[in-house]
Amino acid sequence: MKTRLEILRQKSADSEPYISCFDYEYTDPDTTVATALRELNKREYLTDTNGERAEKISWECSCLQKKCGACAMRINSVPRLACDVKLTEAKNGVIRLEPLKKFPVVRDLTVDRKIIFDDLKALEVWFEENAEPNEKRAETVHNASRCLQCGCCLEVCPNFLPGAGFKGMSACVSLSAVIAEMSVSEQKRVYKNYSKYFYAGCGKSLSCRDICPAGIDTEELMVNSNAAAVWKRKRK
């Protein structure tokens, strides 16, 4: 079997993007995009479909088991993990790879997702006092802790723009993972930030729920956080 990888490349953040195509042959139907990219980069001389020498493809990977989120990219226009997309999903024998669009391109398929962690700082998602385990919310905490911080949810969110006030679902999920074990005083601090940076800007499209590679029920987390951070406070 053979699949053509059509890759939108960019030599640096301020250079013009261009398309490179590479043919990859395989026999195992479970071969993924990540496997193909790794094998292409292992070649002593990487050549494109025109037979011209090409530079190694820049992309990120780590676990290759859907556990880290490093290999997130746009695959056939949909943000997904390269280790989770099989080459057999090609359309007419072609798979198009592009970097995530809502983050600055570093090179080729590598983007700078620093904004995700900057947004966590804005919400002040950290403990300043000893954690207080809450067994009643253990399932919610476990669900939220599966977040890969890959950025796929932000990529499809119609309300998220890097650097703007709304911080997106990746920040909300991280908050949900720790808020149940915070002291009352800390909860008051993060509730205020949650209302300002998430609740006020979320349009409830739930595109994040449909795209999450970890299968996190973002709607459930959002409902729980809204109830605690917004409606409970208003009733008081």
Protein backbone atom coordinates (compact mmCIF):
# COMPACT_ATOMS: atom_id res chain seq x y z
CA MET A 1 0.00 0.00 0.00
CA LYS A 2 1.13 3.55 -0.65
CA THR A 3 0.00 6.89 0.74
CA ARG A 4 1.09 10.35 -0.30
CA LEU A 5 1.75 12.80 2.52
CA GLU A 6 1.07 16.37 1.40
CA ILE A 7 2.74 18.59 3.99
CA LEU A 8 2.39 22.33 4.46
CA ARG A 9 5.92 23.38 5.41
CA GLN A 10 7.55 26.55 6.64
CA LYS A 11 11.27 27.05 7.23
CA SER A 12 10.77 29.60 9.99
CA ALA A 13 8.09 31.71 11.64
CA ASP A 14 8.54 34.57 9.17
CA SER A 15 9.06 32.60 5.96
CA GLU A 16 6.50 31.75 3.29
CA PRO A 17 4.74 28.37 3.59
CA TYR A 18 5.04 25.85 0.79
CA ILE A 19 3.84 22.32 -0.02
CA SER A 20 6.06 19.22 -0.08
CA CYS A 21 4.78 15.77 -1.03
CA PHE A 22 6.26 12.43 -0.01
CA ASP A 23 5.19 8.92 -0.97
CA TYR A 24 5.28 6.31 1.77
CA GLU A 25 4.83 2.57 1.22
CA TYR A 26 3.69 0.25 3.99
CA THR A 27 2.18 -3.19 4.54
CA ASP A 28 0.67 -2.93 8.03
CA PRO A 29 -2.85 -1.40 7.91
CA ASP A 30 -2.30 -0.04 11.43
CA THR A 31 0.56 2.19 10.28
CA THR A 32 -0.02 5.73 11.51
CA VAL A 33 0.91 9.18 10.28
CA ALA A 34 3.42 9.39 13.12
CA THR A 35 5.11 6.18 11.99
CA ALA A 36 5.36 7.49 8.43
CA LEU A 37 6.88 10.80 9.56
CA ARG A 38 9.44 9.03 11.72
CA GLU A 39 10.44 6.64 8.96
CA LEU A 40 10.72 9.43 6.38
CA ASN A 41 13.04 11.37 8.67
CA LYS A 42 15.19 8.27 9.23
CA ARG A 43 16.10 8.11 5.55
CA GLU A 44 19.67 9.09 4.80
CA TYR A 45 18.46 11.18 1.90
CA LEU A 46 14.90 12.45 2.05
CA THR A 47 13.46 13.14 -1.39
CA ASP A 48 10.03 14.40 -2.37
CA THR A 49 7.74 13.04 -5.08
CA ASN A 50 9.65 15.07 -7.69
CA GLY A 51 12.87 13.34 -6.71
CA GLU A 52 14.33 16.49 -5.19
CA ARG A 53 16.28 16.49 -1.93
CA ALA A 54 14.25 17.75 1.02
CA GLU A 55 15.11 18.77 4.56
CA LYS A 56 13.96 16.64 7.46
CA ILE A 57 10.34 17.26 8.47
CA SER A 58 9.98 19.20 11.71
CA TRP A 59 7.24 17.87 13.98
CA GLU A 60 6.86 16.94 17.64
CA CYS A 61 6.37 13.53 19.23
CA SER A 62 7.06 11.77 22.49
CA CYS A 63 5.01 8.78 23.64
CA LEU A 64 3.32 7.88 20.31
CA GLN A 65 0.52 6.30 22.38
CA LYS A 66 -2.02 9.13 22.69
CA LYS A 67 -0.73 10.01 26.16
CA CYS A 68 1.21 13.26 25.67
CA GLY A 69 -0.50 15.26 22.90
CA ALA A 70 2.81 16.43 21.42
CA CYS A 71 2.02 15.25 17.87
CA ALA A 72 -1.16 17.33 17.47
CA MET A 73 -1.54 18.79 13.97
CA ARG A 74 -4.21 19.35 11.34
CA ILE A 75 -4.73 16.11 9.41
CA ASN A 76 -7.03 16.47 6.43
CA SER A 77 -8.12 19.80 7.95
CA VAL A 78 -9.06 18.25 11.33
CA PRO A 79 -6.90 18.71 14.47
CA ARG A 80 -5.83 15.24 15.57
CA LEU A 81 -2.87 13.34 16.98
CA ALA A 82 -0.53 11.93 14.33
CA CYS A 83 -0.13 8.75 16.38
CA ASP A 84 -3.89 8.21 16.27
CA VAL A 85 -4.48 8.53 12.53
CA LYS A 86 -3.90 5.52 10.29
CA LEU A 87 -2.66 5.93 6.75
CA THR A 88 -5.66 3.91 5.60
CA GLU A 89 -7.75 7.00 6.38
CA ALA A 90 -6.23 8.74 3.35
CA LYS A 91 -8.63 10.40 0.94
CA ASN A 92 -7.91 9.25 -2.59
CA GLY A 93 -4.54 8.04 -1.38
CA VAL A 94 -3.53 11.43 0.05
CA ILE A 95 -3.23 12.73 3.61
CA ARG A 96 -2.68 16.46 4.04
CA LEU A 97 -0.72 17.60 7.08
CA GLU A 98 -0.70 21.17 8.36
CA PRO A 99 0.39 22.83 11.61
CA LEU A 100 -2.27 23.93 14.07
CA LYS A 101 -3.47 27.36 12.94
CA LYS A 102 -4.11 29.06 16.28
CA PHE A 103 -0.52 28.84 17.45
CA PRO A 104 2.64 30.46 16.02
CA VAL A 105 4.52 28.21 13.60
CA VAL A 106 8.08 27.42 14.64
CA ARG A 107 8.94 25.25 11.65
CA ASP A 108 6.88 22.93 9.43
CA LEU A 109 4.39 21.09 11.68
CA THR A 110 5.93 22.36 14.92
CA VAL A 111 4.06 25.16 16.68
CA ASP A 112 4.58 27.14 19.86
CA ARG A 113 1.82 26.25 22.34
CA LYS A 114 3.20 28.35 25.17
CA ILE A 115 -0.07 30.31 25.24
CA ILE A 116 -1.78 27.27 26.80
CA PHE A 117 0.42 27.48 29.87
CA ASP A 118 0.25 31.26 29.97
CA ASP A 119 -3.52 30.96 30.17
CA LEU A 120 -3.24 28.57 33.12
CA LYS A 121 -1.24 31.26 34.87
CA ALA A 122 -4.00 33.78 34.17
CA LEU A 123 -6.52 31.49 35.89
CA GLU A 124 -4.03 30.91 38.73
CA VAL A 125 -4.45 27.15 38.52
CA TRP A 126 -2.14 26.11 41.35
CA PHE A 127 -2.19 25.23 45.02
CA GLU A 128 -1.01 27.75 47.60
CA GLU A 129 -2.18 25.63 50.52
CA ASN A 130 -2.28 21.92 51.25
CA ALA A 131 -4.69 19.97 49.04
CA GLU A 132 -7.84 18.56 50.58
CA PRO A 133 -8.85 15.27 48.87
CA ASN A 134 -12.52 15.18 47.88
CA GLU A 135 -13.68 11.60 47.32
CA LYS A 136 -17.09 12.72 46.11
CA ARG A 137 -15.48 14.37 43.08
CA ALA A 138 -12.83 11.72 42.42
CA GLU A 139 -14.41 10.70 39.12
CA THR A 140 -14.52 14.31 37.91
CA VAL A 141 -10.90 14.84 38.88
CA HIS A 142 -9.87 11.66 37.07
CA ASN A 143 -11.77 12.71 33.95
CA ALA A 144 -10.12 16.12 33.91
CA SER A 145 -6.65 14.75 34.63
CA ARG A 146 -6.67 12.93 31.29
CA CYS A 147 -6.26 16.23 29.43
CA LEU A 148 -3.19 16.16 27.15
CA GLN A 149 -2.92 19.96 26.73
CA CYS A 150 -2.57 19.22 23.01
CA GLY A 151 -4.50 22.28 21.86
CA CYS A 152 -7.00 20.44 19.62
CA CYS A 153 -9.96 21.85 21.56
CA LEU A 154 -8.64 25.39 21.14
CA GLU A 155 -8.08 24.82 17.43
CA VAL A 156 -11.78 24.15 16.79
CA CYS A 157 -13.21 26.58 19.36
CA PRO A 158 -15.01 29.47 17.62
CA ASN A 159 -14.48 31.70 20.67
CA PHE A 160 -10.77 31.14 21.32
CA LEU A 161 -8.15 33.52 19.99
CA PRO A 162 -4.59 33.38 21.38
CA GLY A 163 -3.94 36.30 23.69
CA ALA A 164 -7.61 37.26 24.04
CA GLY A 165 -9.68 37.22 27.22
CA PHE A 166 -11.32 33.82 26.74
CA LYS A 167 -8.87 31.06 27.74
CA GLY A 168 -10.63 28.04 26.28
CA MET A 169 -11.45 24.54 27.40
CA SER A 170 -7.87 23.41 28.06
CA ALA A 171 -7.72 25.91 30.93
CA CYS A 172 -11.20 24.95 32.18
CA VAL A 173 -10.31 21.26 32.26
CA SER A 174 -7.11 21.89 34.19
CA LEU A 175 -9.05 23.98 36.69
CA SER A 176 -11.62 21.20 37.11
CA ALA A 177 -8.84 18.77 37.98
CA VAL A 178 -7.63 20.74 40.99
CA ILE A 179 -10.51 22.90 42.20
CA ALA A 180 -12.21 20.08 44.13
CA GLU A 181 -9.14 19.71 46.34
CA MET A 182 -8.56 23.41 46.98
CA SER A 183 -9.29 25.13 50.25
CA VAL A 184 -12.30 27.45 50.43
CA SER A 185 -10.12 30.56 50.22
CA GLU A 186 -8.32 29.27 47.13
CA GLN A 187 -11.60 28.32 45.50
CA LYS A 188 -12.82 31.89 45.86
CA ARG A 189 -9.70 33.09 44.03
CA VAL A 190 -10.00 30.73 41.07
CA TYR A 191 -13.81 31.05 40.85
CA LYS A 192 -13.37 34.75 40.15
CA ASN A 193 -10.80 34.04 37.44
CA TYR A 194 -12.99 31.29 35.98
CA SER A 195 -15.95 33.63 35.61
CA LYS A 196 -13.78 36.26 33.94
CA TYR A 197 -11.62 34.13 31.66
CA PHE A 198 -13.91 31.22 30.77
CA TYR A 199 -17.59 31.54 31.66
CA ALA A 200 -17.95 35.03 30.20
CA GLY A 201 -16.54 34.00 26.83
CA CYS A 202 -17.71 30.42 26.22
CA GLY A 203 -20.39 30.16 23.53
CA LYS A 204 -21.29 26.56 24.51
CA SER A 205 -20.70 25.22 20.98
CA LEU A 206 -19.13 22.09 22.54
CA SER A 207 -16.84 21.61 19.54
CA CYS A 208 -14.20 20.80 22.18
CA ARG A 209 -16.14 17.74 23.32
CA ASP A 210 -16.34 16.31 19.82
CA ILE A 211 -12.65 16.78 18.98
CA CYS A 212 -10.91 15.80 22.24
CA PRO A 213 -8.47 12.93 21.45
CA ALA A 214 -8.63 11.79 25.10
CA GLY A 215 -12.43 11.51 24.95
CA ILE A 216 -12.95 13.88 27.87
CA ASP A 217 -16.56 14.83 28.52
CA THR A 218 -15.90 18.57 28.49
CA GLU A 219 -19.60 19.37 28.76
CA GLU A 220 -19.83 17.59 32.12
CA LEU A 221 -16.75 19.38 33.44
CA MET A 222 -18.06 22.73 32.22
CA VAL A 223 -21.47 22.19 33.83
CA ASN A 224 -19.86 21.26 37.16
CA SER A 225 -17.50 24.23 37.06
CA ASN A 226 -20.29 26.64 36.12
CA ALA A 227 -22.41 25.35 38.98
CA ALA A 228 -19.61 25.82 41.50
CA ALA A 229 -17.99 29.00 40.24
CA VAL A 230 -21.01 30.94 38.96
CA TRP A 231 -24.45 29.77 40.02
CA LYS A 232 -23.55 28.80 43.59
CA ARG A 233 -21.88 32.17 44.13
CA LYS A 234 -24.88 34.04 42.70
CA ARG A 235 -27.26 32.21 45.02
CA LYS A 236 -25.13 33.28 47.96
